[in-house]
Amino acid sequence: MRWKKAGVVVPAPPPLAWARSHAALPVPRSLSQGETELYFSTRDERGRSYVAKAVFAAGKDLTDPEYSPVPVLEPGQLGSFDDAGVTTSCLVEDGGRLYLYYSGWTRGVSVPFYFFVGCATSDDDGTSFARASLSPILERHAVDPYLTASPWVIVEDGVWRMWYVSGTGWAPTEETPVHHYHIKYAESRDGLSWQRDGVVCIDYRDEFEYAIARPCVVFDGGRYRMWFSSRGEAYRLGYAESLDGLSWDRRDDEAGLDPSPSGWDSEMVAYPVVFDRGGIRHMLYNGNGYGATGIGLALAVDG
């Protein structure tokens, strides 16, 4: 699959009184009227992430969104796993309820940060969200002893399937410890309590790669397709395919989207999310600075 870039659709910072920088980690939701609701993360003056929301009108193009004036989700209570910020990851609709999965951040001492998977739910079609728990739904575990983050969830025949980021350790350096994480798999019957067996879906390609982040999984054409971010020197897009969602064939050369020669996404491309709108496959993604230059759009041109 190849992609044609269409430019930035959400600037950074977005035009919100409480947003000072970044528009990152987009999560789209298709509405019945043909509109597209977009959840994303932005930061305040202290660098803490909030979840924001915008709506794109029905039509051919994603342009001129209408922003919700208040945050969807704010940083958690002092001392909680998400008191340093909440970053978007995935949205699931099931039984009339919305499940907003997110990464909750807290600052560390021996390492710069910790993050773990949280969930907030809505029973009023996204007008308001409440945390499902004040603690993470994916805390430290025998197979995830360091951190968890960035879940992507699909419900199939009553089984909730999750692909998520799992930390494998921290590497000491002269400046600051460097995180290492890849992508694992978990299952659930209710979307909140998860069984983890340590299944690794996307592992490090070589000794230079140390961060594999933000999976997006789509099932079509009789197979699962996963887009993700992979990081050595800087984030690039990765791509893999699977017949069962467990064993994956990594095909990064088929991701189809590279940094531009100059401009807002010239240094990196990261945090992809793929969805269909109006019969056209769309990708939203971030460029330089992990969302410091906004959210961009690319359209599939083949495949």
Foldseek 3Di string as FASTA:
>chain_A
DAWFWDWFAAFFPHPEPFFDFFWFQWEWDADPQQKIKIWWWGAGPVRAIFIWIWIADHDDDRHDTHTDRDTQGFADDPPFQANRYWTWAYWDDDPQKIKTKIWGWDQDDQAGIAIEIWIWMDNPVSPHTDTPDSHHLGDADPLANGHKGRWYWDADPQKIKIKIKGWPDWDDDPPGTDTAIAIAIWIDRPVRHIDGDNQGADDDPDPQKGDKARWEWDDDPQKIKIWTWIDRPETEIWIWIGNPVRHIDTDRVPRHDDADCDDQANGYWGNWYWDDGPNWIKIWIGHPPNRRGHIIIITDDDD
